[in-house]
Amino acid sequence: MDCLQQRINELRPRADALCAALRREAERWFGTGVLAGCVPDGAAYRLERDAASGAETLVGEWLDARGYRIGMLVFHGDGSCFGEFDLVRMHPRDPRWFVEAVEAWAGAATGAAADAAAGGGTPRADLRLLAAP
């Protein structure tokens, strides 16, 4: 097994958790199935070297039919992670806002007690908003 596939396999539970958080937040605002394509297996992965820390970072991207990025997952060497998926629609309850994407993030998973105290390993999610045109 190559290094990339090994890293993908190791981080699969984190990828599942990030994707679930992204889907939950999107569905809370826009209904069931809005991010049906937001699954770890749908992303194309690569390894990158973090310029600041020098650590290896796993990056997964979802692309649309024309090859444009519509979402991504990022897993840093310190255990923290981030995900985003484009929504590109008006806010369903407040016309002052346009929803660009949904984002999820988590700190390093350090164990249940530490995670509960620091909000570490459990992903949190929110909408990324822009002022409406």
Protein backbone atom coordinates (compact mmCIF):
# COMPACT_ATOMS: atom_id res chain seq x y z
CA MET A 1 0.00 0.00 0.00
CA ASP A 2 1.43 3.40 -0.92
CA CYS A 3 1.85 6.28 1.52
CA LEU A 4 -1.11 8.27 0.15
CA GLN A 5 -3.56 5.37 0.45
CA GLN A 6 -2.29 4.55 3.94
CA ARG A 7 -2.91 8.15 5.06
CA ILE A 8 -6.41 8.15 3.50
CA ASN A 9 -7.22 4.92 5.36
CA GLU A 10 -5.86 6.25 8.67
CA LEU A 11 -7.89 9.45 8.42
CA ARG A 12 -11.12 7.87 7.16
CA PRO A 13 -12.95 8.25 10.52
CA ARG A 14 -12.02 11.95 10.62
CA ALA A 15 -13.12 12.39 6.98
CA ASP A 16 -16.44 10.67 7.76
CA ALA A 17 -16.97 12.96 10.77
CA LEU A 18 -16.15 16.13 8.80
CA CYS A 19 -18.46 15.15 5.94
CA ALA A 20 -21.26 14.30 8.38
CA ALA A 21 -20.86 17.72 10.06
CA LEU A 22 -20.95 19.48 6.66
CA ARG A 23 -24.09 17.59 5.59
CA ARG A 24 -25.84 18.17 8.95
CA GLU A 25 -25.26 21.91 8.84
CA ALA A 26 -26.35 22.20 5.20
CA GLU A 27 -29.46 20.10 5.84
CA ARG A 28 -30.34 22.17 8.91
CA TRP A 29 -30.74 25.18 6.62
CA PHE A 30 -31.62 23.74 3.20
CA GLY A 31 -33.20 20.32 3.72
CA THR A 32 -32.28 16.70 3.22
CA GLY A 33 -29.89 15.65 0.48
CA VAL A 34 -28.49 19.08 -0.33
CA LEU A 35 -24.90 17.78 0.01
CA ALA A 36 -25.43 14.21 -1.17
CA GLY A 37 -22.05 14.29 -2.95
CA CYS A 38 -20.19 15.25 0.21
CA VAL A 39 -18.67 11.83 0.98
CA PRO A 40 -14.99 11.00 1.53
CA ASP A 41 -14.85 8.53 -1.36
CA GLY A 42 -15.94 11.23 -3.82
CA ALA A 43 -12.83 13.34 -3.22
CA ALA A 44 -9.50 13.14 -5.06
CA TYR A 45 -6.62 13.11 -2.54
CA ARG A 46 -3.00 14.22 -2.55
CA LEU A 47 -0.27 14.80 0.02
CA GLU A 48 1.25 18.27 0.45
CA ARG A 49 4.03 19.60 2.64
CA ASP A 50 2.84 22.32 5.06
CA ALA A 51 5.06 25.36 4.42
CA ALA A 52 4.89 26.54 8.04
CA SER A 53 5.39 23.30 9.96
CA GLY A 54 7.00 21.08 7.34
CA ALA A 55 4.51 18.36 8.25
CA GLU A 56 2.62 16.31 5.70
CA THR A 57 -0.96 17.42 5.00
CA LEU A 58 -3.61 15.29 3.32
CA VAL A 59 -5.85 17.29 0.97
CA GLY A 60 -8.97 15.94 -0.69
CA GLU A 61 -10.95 17.88 -3.29
CA TRP A 62 -14.37 17.43 -4.86
CA LEU A 63 -14.59 18.68 -8.44
CA ASP A 64 -17.63 19.48 -10.56
CA ALA A 65 -18.15 18.11 -14.09
CA ARG A 66 -16.00 20.92 -15.55
CA GLY A 67 -13.11 20.28 -13.15
CA TYR A 68 -13.73 23.23 -10.81
CA ARG A 69 -13.25 22.66 -7.09
CA ILE A 70 -16.55 22.64 -5.19
CA GLY A 71 -15.26 21.42 -1.86
CA MET A 72 -12.27 20.17 0.05
CA LEU A 73 -11.02 18.32 3.11
CA VAL A 74 -7.69 19.20 4.75
CA PHE A 75 -5.99 17.08 7.43
CA HIS A 76 -2.97 18.74 9.03
CA GLY A 77 -0.03 16.93 10.61
CA ASP A 78 -1.02 18.17 14.09
CA GLY A 79 -4.36 16.32 13.84
CA SER A 80 -6.53 19.35 13.15
CA CYS A 81 -8.78 19.27 10.11
CA PHE A 82 -11.02 21.45 7.98
CA GLY A 83 -13.65 20.86 5.33
CA GLU A 84 -15.80 23.01 3.08
CA PHE A 85 -18.39 22.42 0.39
CA ASP A 86 -19.95 25.07 -1.86
CA LEU A 87 -23.66 25.83 -1.47
CA VAL A 88 -23.89 29.05 -3.54
CA ARG A 89 -27.43 30.18 -2.78
CA MET A 90 -29.36 32.82 -0.92
CA HIS A 91 -29.82 32.39 2.82
CA PRO A 92 -33.20 30.69 3.38
CA ARG A 93 -34.25 32.96 6.27
CA ASP A 94 -32.41 36.24 5.91
CA PRO A 95 -32.30 38.01 2.51
CA ARG A 96 -29.34 40.13 3.66
CA TRP A 97 -27.05 37.09 3.30
CA PHE A 98 -25.75 34.89 0.50
CA VAL A 99 -24.44 31.44 1.52
CA GLU A 100 -21.16 30.75 -0.21
CA ALA A 101 -20.36 27.42 1.47
CA VAL A 102 -20.67 25.28 4.54
CA GLU A 103 -17.49 24.77 6.60
CA ALA A 104 -16.50 22.26 9.28
CA TRP A 105 -13.38 22.11 11.43
CA ALA A 106 -11.92 20.23 14.38
CA GLY A 107 -8.80 20.38 16.48
CA ALA A 108 -6.58 17.40 17.10
CA ALA A 109 -8.41 14.36 18.48
CA THR A 110 -6.78 13.78 21.86
CA GLY A 111 -9.31 11.61 23.67
CA ALA A 112 -12.91 11.96 24.80
CA ALA A 113 -12.32 14.01 27.97
CA ALA A 114 -9.90 16.44 26.35
CA ASP A 115 -12.09 16.78 23.27
CA ALA A 116 -15.15 17.56 25.37
CA ALA A 117 -13.26 20.20 27.34
CA ALA A 118 -11.50 21.85 24.40
CA GLY A 119 -13.83 21.13 21.51
CA GLY A 120 -10.93 19.29 19.88
CA GLY A 121 -11.78 16.18 17.91
CA THR A 122 -15.50 16.74 17.41
CA PRO A 123 -16.16 18.71 14.22
CA ARG A 124 -18.10 21.95 14.37
CA ALA A 125 -19.77 23.48 11.34
CA ASP A 126 -21.22 26.76 10.15
CA LEU A 127 -22.28 28.52 7.00
CA ARG A 128 -19.84 30.88 5.26
CA LEU A 129 -21.86 33.99 4.48
CA LEU A 130 -21.39 36.99 2.20
CA ALA A 131 -23.49 40.14 2.12
CA ALA A 132 -26.24 39.70 -0.45
CA PRO A 133 -25.86 41.66 -3.68
